[in-house]
């Protein structure tokens, strides 16, 4: 059977049974272990290993940034994500004077870019920021305020949700009008062992917004991928119902057995390999066994599985090598 091409992009169509694998390694690790990692790239041609370019990213150095929604972020540097340190709507008294970003300018830019695109060039996909609906509400209100809003079933929270959803609906529609065939979204919905709000509250508050935006894409024939960290077991069926076609969940916090039961064969699974415990503390033998189990449990001869692993400072180089070697070793398990 035909094998996948070395270092192929995981977004391309793989051979039957092939599990595309990638490892995104923080640039500070590259700086320390460049020779060993360069050798690992050669040793594992079927694993897309990257991250060296992160030294040139805006997150390479510590800084603060206020986004278009008015949230002030602190980024600690080292290529790491930031957190909101100032919520623009920490009091509902500020709501009437607050100005959300206008979608009009971005819609115009999307349409102008499409007009300038060569006729034979593929249309770019539509995409949301990381913090699509749920997280954006927590950024705008602050975590504690948001949780109280949910508990009180605040009408203003629903009004705010609709403002956020309207924004992404308009941008998604513009991309689809210009030929996009895919929507990628990201919204961390879970904690370590459950949702931070009840499944019933999630279905009342968050699900309709997902349904509206994802439904637009699906009605227009586009596929929908969703990245979401944390334990999302309670709402996986809901995510499939609202139109997700590729789900990017974490492995250990959700449980491979739960992902097999709820998602395998229903959506493509872009599995996020653990970065908190096993791959940080495990032995080479344990890491090899885990990657094999992931692929054995969620893979198939028909495909539908890919693996992604984010590697951050503090992860032993020996473990990085073990994981990438295991991905190389088992990526074609179902193709044999």
C-alpha atoms as a PDB file:
ATOM      1  CA  UNK A   1       0.000   0.000   0.000  1.00  0.00           C
ATOM      2  CA  UNK A   2       1.206   3.498  -0.794  1.00  0.00           C
ATOM      3  CA  UNK A   3       2.818   5.318   2.109  1.00  0.00           C
ATOM      4  CA  UNK A   4       2.387   8.976   3.021  1.00  0.00           C
ATOM      5  CA  UNK A   5       4.996  11.385   1.743  1.00  0.00           C
ATOM      6  CA  UNK A   6       7.784  12.305   4.180  1.00  0.00           C
ATOM      7  CA  UNK A   7       7.106  15.464   6.198  1.00  0.00           C
ATOM      8  CA  UNK A   8       3.808  15.934   4.357  1.00  0.00           C
ATOM      9  CA  UNK A   9       1.364  18.576   5.509  1.00  0.00           C
ATOM     10  CA  UNK A  10      -1.308  16.980   7.700  1.00  0.00           C
ATOM     11  CA  UNK A  11      -3.975  19.020   5.930  1.00  0.00           C
ATOM     12  CA  UNK A  12      -3.308  17.165   2.668  1.00  0.00           C
ATOM     13  CA  UNK A  13      -5.138  13.977   1.818  1.00  0.00           C
ATOM     14  CA  UNK A  14      -3.232  11.047   3.398  1.00  0.00           C
ATOM     15  CA  UNK A  15      -3.058   7.540   2.032  1.00  0.00           C
ATOM     16  CA  UNK A  16      -5.694   5.128   3.377  1.00  0.00           C
ATOM     17  CA  UNK A  17      -4.987   4.160   6.966  1.00  0.00           C
ATOM     18  CA  UNK A  18      -2.137   6.660   7.411  1.00  0.00           C
ATOM     19  CA  UNK A  19      -2.238   8.732  10.621  1.00  0.00           C
ATOM     20  CA  UNK A  20      -0.690  12.170   9.978  1.00  0.00           C
ATOM     21  CA  UNK A  21       1.442  13.200  12.958  1.00  0.00           C
ATOM     22  CA  UNK A  22       3.012  16.485  13.963  1.00  0.00           C
ATOM     23  CA  UNK A  23       4.958  17.892  16.904  1.00  0.00           C
ATOM     24  CA  UNK A  24       5.080  21.630  17.546  1.00  0.00           C
ATOM     25  CA  UNK A  25       8.138  22.232  19.701  1.00  0.00           C
ATOM     26  CA  UNK A  26       8.606  25.513  21.559  1.00  0.00           C
ATOM     27  CA  UNK A  27      11.471  27.510  20.043  1.00  0.00           C
ATOM     28  CA  UNK A  28      13.324  27.716  23.376  1.00  0.00           C
ATOM     29  CA  UNK A  29      13.726  23.930  23.246  1.00  0.00           C
ATOM     30  CA  UNK A  30      15.063  24.208  19.702  1.00  0.00           C
ATOM     31  CA  UNK A  31      17.608  26.742  20.891  1.00  0.00           C
ATOM     32  CA  UNK A  32      18.881  24.333  23.507  1.00  0.00           C
ATOM     33  CA  UNK A  33      18.740  21.067  21.562  1.00  0.00           C
ATOM     34  CA  UNK A  34      18.972  22.133  17.921  1.00  0.00           C
ATOM     35  CA  UNK A  35      21.428  19.413  16.866  1.00  0.00           C
ATOM     36  CA  UNK A  36      19.388  16.612  18.417  1.00  0.00           C
ATOM     37  CA  UNK A  37      16.135  17.964  17.040  1.00  0.00           C
ATOM     38  CA  UNK A  38      17.561  18.432  13.551  1.00  0.00           C
ATOM     39  CA  UNK A  39      18.666  14.812  13.706  1.00  0.00           C
ATOM     40  CA  UNK A  40      15.193  13.804  14.922  1.00  0.00           C
ATOM     41  CA  UNK A  41      13.615  15.496  11.899  1.00  0.00           C
ATOM     42  CA  UNK A  42      15.777  13.330   9.639  1.00  0.00           C
ATOM     43  CA  UNK A  43      15.039  10.225  11.684  1.00  0.00           C
ATOM     44  CA  UNK A  44      11.249  10.752  11.605  1.00  0.00           C
ATOM     45  CA  UNK A  45      10.382  11.785   8.026  1.00  0.00           C
ATOM     46  CA  UNK A  46       6.679  11.006   8.478  1.00  0.00           C
ATOM     47  CA  UNK A  47       6.309  13.311  11.489  1.00  0.00           C
ATOM     48  CA  UNK A  48       5.959  17.027  10.826  1.00  0.00           C
ATOM     49  CA  UNK A  49       8.261  18.544  13.438  1.00  0.00           C
ATOM     50  CA  UNK A  50       8.276  22.332  13.683  1.00  0.00           C
ATOM     51  CA  UNK A  51       8.412  25.321  15.963  1.00  0.00           C
ATOM     52  CA  UNK A  52      11.904  26.667  15.381  1.00  0.00           C
ATOM     53  CA  UNK A  53      10.405  29.690  13.648  1.00  0.00           C
ATOM     54  CA  UNK A  54       8.631  30.690  16.885  1.00  0.00           C
ATOM     55  CA  UNK A  55      11.615  32.846  17.857  1.00  0.00           C
ATOM     56  CA  UNK A  56      10.358  35.389  15.329  1.00  0.00           C
ATOM     57  CA  UNK A  57       6.774  35.453  16.569  1.00  0.00           C
ATOM     58  CA  UNK A  58       5.166  38.304  18.475  1.00  0.00           C
ATOM     59  CA  UNK A  59       4.955  36.030  21.507  1.00  0.00           C
ATOM     60  CA  UNK A  60       8.687  35.512  21.717  1.00  0.00           C
ATOM     61  CA  UNK A  61       9.096  38.401  24.143  1.00  0.00           C
ATOM     62  CA  UNK A  62       7.049  39.557  27.095  1.00  0.00           C
ATOM     63  CA  UNK A  63       4.537  42.267  26.277  1.00  0.00           C
ATOM     64  CA  UNK A  64       1.018  43.537  26.813  1.00  0.00           C
ATOM     65  CA  UNK A  65      -1.559  43.992  24.099  1.00  0.00           C
ATOM     66  CA  UNK A  66      -5.130  45.300  23.987  1.00  0.00           C
ATOM     67  CA  UNK A  67      -7.194  43.416  21.420  1.00  0.00           C
ATOM     68  CA  UNK A  68     -10.003  44.760  19.240  1.00  0.00           C
ATOM     69  CA  UNK A  69     -12.601  43.781  21.848  1.00  0.00           C
ATOM     70  CA  UNK A  70     -10.919  45.960  24.484  1.00  0.00           C
ATOM     71  CA  UNK A  71      -9.338  43.126  26.501  1.00  0.00           C
ATOM     72  CA  UNK A  72      -5.846  43.791  27.834  1.00  0.00           C
ATOM     73  CA  UNK A  73      -3.566  40.758  27.523  1.00  0.00           C
ATOM     74  CA  UNK A  74      -0.269  39.930  29.176  1.00  0.00           C
ATOM     75  CA  UNK A  75       2.029  37.632  27.197  1.00  0.00           C
ATOM     76  CA  UNK A  76       4.895  36.207  29.299  1.00  0.00           C
ATOM     77  CA  UNK A  77       7.238  35.549  26.386  1.00  0.00           C
ATOM     78  CA  UNK A  78       8.989  32.303  25.390  1.00  0.00           C
ATOM     79  CA  UNK A  79       6.327  31.785  22.719  1.00  0.00           C
ATOM     80  CA  UNK A  80       3.684  31.096  25.358  1.00  0.00           C
ATOM     81  CA  UNK A  81       0.044  32.147  25.224  1.00  0.00           C
ATOM     82  CA  UNK A  82      -1.160  35.042  27.327  1.00  0.00           C
ATOM     83  CA  UNK A  83      -4.041  35.804  29.612  1.00  0.00           C
ATOM     84  CA  UNK A  84      -6.475  38.667  29.957  1.00  0.00           C
ATOM     85  CA  UNK A  85      -5.542  40.932  32.845  1.00  0.00           C
ATOM     86  CA  UNK A  86      -8.165  43.629  32.231  1.00  0.00           C
ATOM     87  CA  UNK A  87     -11.729  42.827  31.180  1.00  0.00           C
ATOM     88  CA  UNK A  88     -13.513  45.745  29.495  1.00  0.00           C
ATOM     89  CA  UNK A  89     -16.913  44.661  30.833  1.00  0.00           C
ATOM     90  CA  UNK A  90     -15.982  43.796  34.400  1.00  0.00           C
ATOM     91  CA  UNK A  91     -19.122  45.768  35.304  1.00  0.00           C
ATOM     92  CA  UNK A  92     -22.356  45.762  33.343  1.00  0.00           C
ATOM     93  CA  UNK A  93     -22.425  49.526  33.972  1.00  0.00           C
ATOM     94  CA  UNK A  94     -19.834  49.773  31.180  1.00  0.00           C
ATOM     95  CA  UNK A  95     -21.898  47.830  28.662  1.00  0.00           C
ATOM     96  CA  UNK A  96     -23.780  50.685  27.028  1.00  0.00           C
ATOM     97  CA  UNK A  97     -20.621  52.712  26.414  1.00  0.00           C
ATOM     98  CA  UNK A  98     -18.559  49.729  25.221  1.00  0.00           C
ATOM     99  CA  UNK A  99     -17.948  49.475  21.484  1.00  0.00           C
ATOM    100  CA  UNK A 100     -17.477  45.957  20.091  1.00  0.00           C
ATOM    101  CA  UNK A 101     -15.370  45.544  16.983  1.00  0.00           C
ATOM    102  CA  UNK A 102     -17.160  46.132  13.706  1.00  0.00           C
ATOM    103  CA  UNK A 103     -17.184  43.271  11.252  1.00  0.00           C
ATOM    104  CA  UNK A 104     -17.703  45.668   8.317  1.00  0.00           C
ATOM    105  CA  UNK A 105     -14.024  46.546   7.786  1.00  0.00           C
ATOM    106  CA  UNK A 106     -12.896  42.939   7.982  1.00  0.00           C
ATOM    107  CA  UNK A 107     -15.666  41.818   5.628  1.00  0.00           C
ATOM    108  CA  UNK A 108     -14.529  44.463   3.139  1.00  0.00           C
ATOM    109  CA  UNK A 109     -10.924  43.284   3.453  1.00  0.00           C
ATOM    110  CA  UNK A 110     -11.978  39.661   2.862  1.00  0.00           C
ATOM    111  CA  UNK A 111     -13.869  40.610  -0.287  1.00  0.00           C
ATOM    112  CA  UNK A 112     -11.053  42.829  -1.602  1.00  0.00           C
ATOM    113  CA  UNK A 113      -8.516  40.055  -1.049  1.00  0.00           C
ATOM    114  CA  UNK A 114     -10.753  37.663  -2.981  1.00  0.00           C
ATOM    115  CA  UNK A 115     -10.942  40.074  -5.905  1.00  0.00           C
ATOM    116  CA  UNK A 116      -7.139  40.284  -6.037  1.00  0.00           C
ATOM    117  CA  UNK A 117      -6.628  36.519  -5.745  1.00  0.00           C
ATOM    118  CA  UNK A 118      -5.465  34.781  -8.948  1.00  0.00           C
ATOM    119  CA  UNK A 119      -8.244  32.821 -10.613  1.00  0.00           C
ATOM    120  CA  UNK A 120      -6.419  29.523 -10.135  1.00  0.00           C
ATOM    121  CA  UNK A 121      -5.548  30.140  -6.468  1.00  0.00           C
ATOM    122  CA  UNK A 122      -7.619  28.298  -3.842  1.00  0.00           C
ATOM    123  CA  UNK A 123      -9.760  30.373  -1.534  1.00  0.00           C
ATOM    124  CA  UNK A 124      -8.463  30.600   2.042  1.00  0.00           C
ATOM    125  CA  UNK A 125     -10.540  28.958   4.716  1.00  0.00           C
ATOM    126  CA  UNK A 126     -12.596  30.870   7.233  1.00  0.00           C
ATOM    127  CA  UNK A 127     -11.308  30.954  10.794  1.00  0.00           C
ATOM    128  CA  UNK A 128     -12.044  32.306  14.241  1.00  0.00           C
ATOM    129  CA  UNK A 129      -9.688  33.432  16.967  1.00  0.00           C
ATOM    130  CA  UNK A 130      -8.791  31.134  19.850  1.00  0.00           C
ATOM    131  CA  UNK A 131     -11.621  32.045  22.167  1.00  0.00           C
ATOM    132  CA  UNK A 132     -14.482  31.906  19.686  1.00  0.00           C
ATOM    133  CA  UNK A 133     -17.609  32.245  21.887  1.00  0.00           C
ATOM    134  CA  UNK A 134     -17.231  30.748  25.366  1.00  0.00           C
ATOM    135  CA  UNK A 135     -13.760  32.043  26.143  1.00  0.00           C
ATOM    136  CA  UNK A 136     -14.484  35.434  24.604  1.00  0.00           C
ATOM    137  CA  UNK A 137     -17.361  35.893  27.043  1.00  0.00           C
ATOM    138  CA  UNK A 138     -15.026  35.120  29.940  1.00  0.00           C
ATOM    139  CA  UNK A 139     -12.431  37.541  28.535  1.00  0.00           C
ATOM    140  CA  UNK A 140     -14.971  40.330  28.264  1.00  0.00           C
ATOM    141  CA  UNK A 141     -16.610  39.871  31.655  1.00  0.00           C
ATOM    142  CA  UNK A 142     -13.789  38.321  33.685  1.00  0.00           C
ATOM    143  CA  UNK A 143     -14.012  34.731  34.897  1.00  0.00           C
ATOM    144  CA  UNK A 144     -15.772  35.318  38.229  1.00  0.00           C
ATOM    145  CA  UNK A 145     -18.302  37.723  36.739  1.00  0.00           C
ATOM    146  CA  UNK A 146     -19.020  35.324  33.898  1.00  0.00           C
ATOM    147  CA  UNK A 147     -19.639  32.439  36.286  1.00  0.00           C
ATOM    148  CA  UNK A 148     -22.054  34.568  38.315  1.00  0.00           C
ATOM    149  CA  UNK A 149     -23.787  35.613  35.084  1.00  0.00           C
ATOM    150  CA  UNK A 150     -24.327  31.971  34.186  1.00  0.00           C
ATOM    151  CA  UNK A 151     -25.601  31.132  37.659  1.00  0.00           C
ATOM    152  CA  UNK A 152     -28.031  34.059  37.529  1.00  0.00           C
ATOM    153  CA  UNK A 153     -28.945  33.385  33.892  1.00  0.00           C
ATOM    154  CA  UNK A 154     -28.273  37.052  33.148  1.00  0.00           C
ATOM    155  CA  UNK A 155     -30.171  38.376  30.098  1.00  0.00           C
ATOM    156  CA  UNK A 156     -27.268  40.700  29.317  1.00  0.00           C
ATOM    157  CA  UNK A 157     -24.943  37.720  28.956  1.00  0.00           C
ATOM    158  CA  UNK A 158     -27.149  36.420  26.141  1.00  0.00           C
ATOM    159  CA  UNK A 159     -27.105  39.852  24.550  1.00  0.00           C
ATOM    160  CA  UNK A 160     -23.321  39.864  24.727  1.00  0.00           C
ATOM    161  CA  UNK A 161     -23.167  36.337  23.314  1.00  0.00           C
ATOM    162  CA  UNK A 162     -25.209  37.425  20.310  1.00  0.00           C
ATOM    163  CA  UNK A 163     -22.875  40.352  19.643  1.00  0.00           C
ATOM    164  CA  UNK A 164     -19.910  37.984  19.564  1.00  0.00           C
ATOM    165  CA  UNK A 165     -21.747  35.405  17.439  1.00  0.00           C
ATOM    166  CA  UNK A 166     -22.955  38.082  14.998  1.00  0.00           C
ATOM    167  CA  UNK A 167     -19.356  39.162  14.455  1.00  0.00           C
ATOM    168  CA  UNK A 168     -18.135  35.687  13.565  1.00  0.00           C
ATOM    169  CA  UNK A 169     -21.239  34.941  11.503  1.00  0.00           C
ATOM    170  CA  UNK A 170     -20.546  37.984   9.312  1.00  0.00           C
ATOM    171  CA  UNK A 171     -16.882  37.068   8.775  1.00  0.00           C
ATOM    172  CA  UNK A 172     -17.704  33.431   8.088  1.00  0.00           C
ATOM    173  CA  UNK A 173     -20.380  34.407   5.583  1.00  0.00           C
ATOM    174  CA  UNK A 174     -17.946  36.702   3.771  1.00  0.00           C
ATOM    175  CA  UNK A 175     -15.339  33.943   3.496  1.00  0.00           C
ATOM    176  CA  UNK A 176     -17.953  31.483   2.218  1.00  0.00           C
ATOM    177  CA  UNK A 177     -19.168  34.021  -0.331  1.00  0.00           C
ATOM    178  CA  UNK A 178     -15.583  34.248  -1.554  1.00  0.00           C
ATOM    179  CA  UNK A 179     -15.182  30.501  -2.002  1.00  0.00           C
ATOM    180  CA  UNK A 180     -14.060  29.140   1.369  1.00  0.00           C
ATOM    181  CA  UNK A 181     -14.787  25.453   1.860  1.00  0.00           C
ATOM    182  CA  UNK A 182     -13.665  25.116   5.470  1.00  0.00           C
ATOM    183  CA  UNK A 183     -14.216  26.880   8.793  1.00  0.00           C
ATOM    184  CA  UNK A 184     -11.727  26.430  11.608  1.00  0.00           C
ATOM    185  CA  UNK A 185     -12.742  27.460  15.128  1.00  0.00           C
ATOM    186  CA  UNK A 186     -11.106  27.274  18.551  1.00  0.00           C
ATOM    187  CA  UNK A 187     -12.735  27.533  21.963  1.00  0.00           C
ATOM    188  CA  UNK A 188     -11.492  25.742  25.097  1.00  0.00           C
ATOM    189  CA  UNK A 189     -14.684  24.465  26.689  1.00  0.00           C
ATOM    190  CA  UNK A 190     -13.499  22.161  29.458  1.00  0.00           C
ATOM    191  CA  UNK A 191     -11.542  21.928  32.683  1.00  0.00           C
ATOM    192  CA  UNK A 192      -9.521  18.900  33.757  1.00  0.00           C
ATOM    193  CA  UNK A 193     -12.473  16.677  34.577  1.00  0.00           C
ATOM    194  CA  UNK A 194     -15.674  18.468  33.526  1.00  0.00           C
ATOM    195  CA  UNK A 195     -17.157  21.552  31.931  1.00  0.00           C
ATOM    196  CA  UNK A 196     -16.827  24.721  34.029  1.00  0.00           C
ATOM    197  CA  UNK A 197     -20.578  25.283  33.674  1.00  0.00           C
ATOM    198  CA  UNK A 198     -23.284  22.654  33.669  1.00  0.00           C
ATOM    199  CA  UNK A 199     -24.052  20.864  30.403  1.00  0.00           C
ATOM    200  CA  UNK A 200     -27.566  22.309  30.602  1.00  0.00           C
ATOM    201  CA  UNK A 201     -26.190  25.860  30.882  1.00  0.00           C
ATOM    202  CA  UNK A 202     -23.756  25.168  28.045  1.00  0.00           C
ATOM    203  CA  UNK A 203     -26.592  23.989  25.821  1.00  0.00           C
ATOM    204  CA  UNK A 204     -28.674  27.045  26.629  1.00  0.00           C
ATOM    205  CA  UNK A 205     -25.937  29.666  26.345  1.00  0.00           C
ATOM    206  CA  UNK A 206     -23.174  28.417  24.048  1.00  0.00           C
ATOM    207  CA  UNK A 207     -24.720  25.774  21.796  1.00  0.00           C
ATOM    208  CA  UNK A 208     -27.084  28.145  19.906  1.00  0.00           C
ATOM    209  CA  UNK A 209     -24.147  30.375  18.921  1.00  0.00           C
ATOM    210  CA  UNK A 210     -22.152  27.377  17.708  1.00  0.00           C
ATOM    211  CA  UNK A 211     -25.210  26.139  15.841  1.00  0.00           C
ATOM    212  CA  UNK A 212     -25.686  29.476  14.111  1.00  0.00           C
ATOM    213  CA  UNK A 213     -22.127  29.913  12.845  1.00  0.00           C
ATOM    214  CA  UNK A 214     -21.288  26.262  12.197  1.00  0.00           C
ATOM    215  CA  UNK A 215     -24.718  25.702  10.654  1.00  0.00           C
ATOM    216  CA  UNK A 216     -24.045  28.482   8.166  1.00  0.00           C
ATOM    217  CA  UNK A 217     -20.830  26.769   7.078  1.00  0.00           C
ATOM    218  CA  UNK A 218     -22.414  23.327   6.828  1.00  0.00           C
ATOM    219  CA  UNK A 219     -25.423  24.655   4.914  1.00  0.00           C
ATOM    220  CA  UNK A 220     -22.987  26.096   2.383  1.00  0.00           C
ATOM    221  CA  UNK A 221     -21.163  22.780   2.030  1.00  0.00           C
ATOM    222  CA  UNK A 222     -18.105  23.696   4.093  1.00  0.00           C
ATOM    223  CA  UNK A 223     -16.412  21.466   6.627  1.00  0.00           C
ATOM    224  CA  UNK A 224     -15.952  22.623  10.238  1.00  0.00           C
ATOM    225  CA  UNK A 225     -13.047  21.879  12.578  1.00  0.00           C
ATOM    226  CA  UNK A 226     -13.053  22.743  16.281  1.00  0.00           C
ATOM    227  CA  UNK A 227     -10.091  22.863  18.635  1.00  0.00           C
ATOM    228  CA  UNK A 228     -11.194  22.617  22.253  1.00  0.00           C
ATOM    229  CA  UNK A 229      -9.075  21.836  25.309  1.00  0.00           C
ATOM    230  CA  UNK A 230     -10.322  20.271  28.509  1.00  0.00           C
ATOM    231  CA  UNK A 231     -12.851  17.585  29.351  1.00  0.00           C
ATOM    232  CA  UNK A 232     -15.697  17.940  26.840  1.00  0.00           C
ATOM    233  CA  UNK A 233     -17.198  14.449  27.125  1.00  0.00           C
ATOM    234  CA  UNK A 234     -20.616  15.784  28.136  1.00  0.00           C
ATOM    235  CA  UNK A 235     -21.034  17.834  24.948  1.00  0.00           C
ATOM    236  CA  UNK A 236     -19.272  15.835  22.231  1.00  0.00           C
ATOM    237  CA  UNK A 237     -22.621  14.649  20.807  1.00  0.00           C
ATOM    238  CA  UNK A 238     -23.808  18.274  20.807  1.00  0.00           C
ATOM    239  CA  UNK A 239     -20.703  19.426  18.935  1.00  0.00           C
ATOM    240  CA  UNK A 240     -21.303  16.803  16.282  1.00  0.00           C
ATOM    241  CA  UNK A 241     -24.953  17.810  16.127  1.00  0.00           C
ATOM    242  CA  UNK A 242     -24.154  21.481  15.451  1.00  0.00           C
ATOM    243  CA  UNK A 243     -21.895  20.610  12.541  1.00  0.00           C
ATOM    244  CA  UNK A 244     -18.341  19.870  13.672  1.00  0.00           C
ATOM    245  CA  UNK A 245     -16.700  17.529  11.165  1.00  0.00           C
ATOM    246  CA  UNK A 246     -13.185  17.468  12.674  1.00  0.00           C
ATOM    247  CA  UNK A 247     -12.801  17.541  16.448  1.00  0.00           C
ATOM    248  CA  UNK A 248      -9.496  18.385  18.154  1.00  0.00           C
ATOM    249  CA  UNK A 249      -9.832  17.065  21.748  1.00  0.00           C
ATOM    250  CA  UNK A 250      -7.222  16.236  24.372  1.00  0.00           C
ATOM    251  CA  UNK A 251      -6.546  12.558  24.929  1.00  0.00           C
ATOM    252  CA  UNK A 252      -6.139  11.827  28.647  1.00  0.00           C
ATOM    253  CA  UNK A 253      -8.571  14.353  30.134  1.00  0.00           C
ATOM    254  CA  UNK A 254     -11.345  12.952  27.935  1.00  0.00           C
ATOM    255  CA  UNK A 255     -10.253   9.320  27.919  1.00  0.00           C
ATOM    256  CA  UNK A 256      -9.531   7.365  24.763  1.00  0.00           C
ATOM    257  CA  UNK A 257     -12.431   5.028  25.508  1.00  0.00           C
ATOM    258  CA  UNK A 258     -14.855   7.959  25.676  1.00  0.00           C
ATOM    259  CA  UNK A 259     -13.508   9.431  22.445  1.00  0.00           C
ATOM    260  CA  UNK A 260     -13.841   6.051  20.777  1.00  0.00           C
ATOM    261  CA  UNK A 261     -17.425   5.686  21.995  1.00  0.00           C
ATOM    262  CA  UNK A 262     -18.603   9.211  21.257  1.00  0.00           C
ATOM    263  CA  UNK A 263     -16.551  10.419  18.294  1.00  0.00           C
ATOM    264  CA  UNK A 264     -14.846   7.639  16.353  1.00  0.00           C
ATOM    265  CA  UNK A 265     -16.536   7.118  13.011  1.00  0.00           C
ATOM    266  CA  UNK A 266     -18.744  10.175  13.538  1.00  0.00           C
ATOM    267  CA  UNK A 267     -16.118  12.913  12.990  1.00  0.00           C
ATOM    268  CA  UNK A 268     -12.477  13.064  12.073  1.00  0.00           C
ATOM    269  CA  UNK A 269     -10.399  13.174  15.251  1.00  0.00           C
ATOM    270  CA  UNK A 270      -7.351  15.423  15.383  1.00  0.00           C
ATOM    271  CA  UNK A 271      -6.105  14.117  18.716  1.00  0.00           C
ATOM    272  CA  UNK A 272      -4.182  16.461  21.005  1.00  0.00           C
ATOM    273  CA  UNK A 273      -1.553  14.309  22.708  1.00  0.00           C
ATOM    274  CA  UNK A 274      -1.065  14.880  26.441  1.00  0.00           C
ATOM    275  CA  UNK A 275       1.399  17.589  27.413  1.00  0.00           C
ATOM    276  CA  UNK A 276       0.684  17.783  31.161  1.00  0.00           C
ATOM    277  CA  UNK A 277       1.661  14.504  32.769  1.00  0.00           C
ATOM    278  CA  UNK A 278       2.510  11.346  30.851  1.00  0.00           C
ATOM    279  CA  UNK A 279       4.602  12.891  28.098  1.00  0.00           C
ATOM    280  CA  UNK A 280       6.340  15.096  30.649  1.00  0.00           C
ATOM    281  CA  UNK A 281       7.075  12.434  33.278  1.00  0.00           C
ATOM    282  CA  UNK A 282       6.732   9.098  31.478  1.00  0.00           C
ATOM    283  CA  UNK A 283       9.428   6.651  30.414  1.00  0.00           C
ATOM    284  CA  UNK A 284      10.250   5.966  26.784  1.00  0.00           C
ATOM    285  CA  UNK A 285       8.409   2.643  27.042  1.00  0.00           C
ATOM    286  CA  UNK A 286       5.285   4.324  28.466  1.00  0.00           C
ATOM    287  CA  UNK A 287       5.309   6.973  25.762  1.00  0.00           C
ATOM    288  CA  UNK A 288       5.673   4.418  22.998  1.00  0.00           C
ATOM    289  CA  UNK A 289       2.779   2.436  24.457  1.00  0.00           C
ATOM    290  CA  UNK A 290       0.594   5.527  24.710  1.00  0.00           C
ATOM    291  CA  UNK A 291       1.078   6.596  21.101  1.00  0.00           C
ATOM    292  CA  UNK A 292       0.425   3.047  19.977  1.00  0.00           C
ATOM    293  CA  UNK A 293      -2.768   2.942  22.068  1.00  0.00           C
ATOM    294  CA  UNK A 294      -3.982   6.255  20.661  1.00  0.00           C
ATOM    295  CA  UNK A 295      -3.566   5.033  17.106  1.00  0.00           C
ATOM    296  CA  UNK A 296      -4.870   1.539  17.817  1.00  0.00           C
ATOM    297  CA  UNK A 297      -7.964   2.843  19.609  1.00  0.00           C
ATOM    298  CA  UNK A 298      -8.982   5.750  17.383  1.00  0.00           C
ATOM    299  CA  UNK A 299      -7.446   4.895  14.018  1.00  0.00           C
ATOM    300  CA  UNK A 300      -8.827   2.697  11.257  1.00  0.00           C
ATOM    301  CA  UNK A 301      -8.069   1.537   7.746  1.00  0.00           C
ATOM    302  CA  UNK A 302     -10.499   4.220   6.547  1.00  0.00           C
ATOM    303  CA  UNK A 303      -8.511   7.004   8.227  1.00  0.00           C
ATOM    304  CA  UNK A 304     -10.146   9.729  10.288  1.00  0.00           C
ATOM    305  CA  UNK A 305      -7.330  10.239  12.817  1.00  0.00           C
ATOM    306  CA  UNK A 306      -4.347  12.555  13.133  1.00  0.00           C
ATOM    307  CA  UNK A 307      -2.084  13.265  16.112  1.00  0.00           C
ATOM    308  CA  UNK A 308      -0.735  16.608  17.246  1.00  0.00           C
ATOM    309  CA  UNK A 309       1.573  17.295  20.180  1.00  0.00           C
ATOM    310  CA  UNK A 310       2.502  20.670  21.631  1.00  0.00           C
ATOM    311  CA  UNK A 311       5.872  20.607  23.382  1.00  0.00           C
ATOM    312  CA  UNK A 312       6.733  23.243  25.970  1.00  0.00           C
ATOM    313  CA  UNK A 313       9.721  24.221  28.131  1.00  0.00           C
ATOM    314  CA  UNK A 314      10.556  21.624  30.752  1.00  0.00           C
ATOM    315  CA  UNK A 315       9.738  18.606  28.598  1.00  0.00           C
ATOM    316  CA  UNK A 316      12.804  16.303  28.625  1.00  0.00           C
ATOM    317  CA  UNK A 317      14.517  15.993  25.262  1.00  0.00           C
ATOM    318  CA  UNK A 318      14.510  12.210  25.714  1.00  0.00           C
ATOM    319  CA  UNK A 319      10.710  12.279  25.894  1.00  0.00           C
ATOM    320  CA  UNK A 320      10.479  14.437  22.801  1.00  0.00           C
ATOM    321  CA  UNK A 321      12.575  11.918  20.933  1.00  0.00           C
ATOM    322  CA  UNK A 322      10.520   9.009  22.274  1.00  0.00           C
ATOM    323  CA  UNK A 323       7.185  10.518  21.234  1.00  0.00           C
ATOM    324  CA  UNK A 324       8.343  11.456  17.736  1.00  0.00           C
ATOM    325  CA  UNK A 325       9.914   8.042  17.226  1.00  0.00           C
ATOM    326  CA  UNK A 326       6.693   6.377  18.332  1.00  0.00           C
ATOM    327  CA  UNK A 327       4.685   8.537  15.906  1.00  0.00           C
ATOM    328  CA  UNK A 328       7.104   7.533  13.137  1.00  0.00           C
ATOM    329  CA  UNK A 329       6.854   3.882  14.176  1.00  0.00           C
ATOM    330  CA  UNK A 330       3.058   3.627  14.318  1.00  0.00           C
ATOM    331  CA  UNK A 331       1.804   6.246  11.838  1.00  0.00           C
ATOM    332  CA  UNK A 332       1.096   3.562   9.229  1.00  0.00           C
ATOM    333  CA  UNK A 333      -0.184   0.898  11.618  1.00  0.00           C
ATOM    334  CA  UNK A 334      -3.549   0.782   9.870  1.00  0.00           C
ATOM    335  CA  UNK A 335      -2.034   0.868   6.397  1.00  0.00           C
ATOM    336  CA  UNK A 336      -0.167  -2.421   6.863  1.00  0.00           C
END
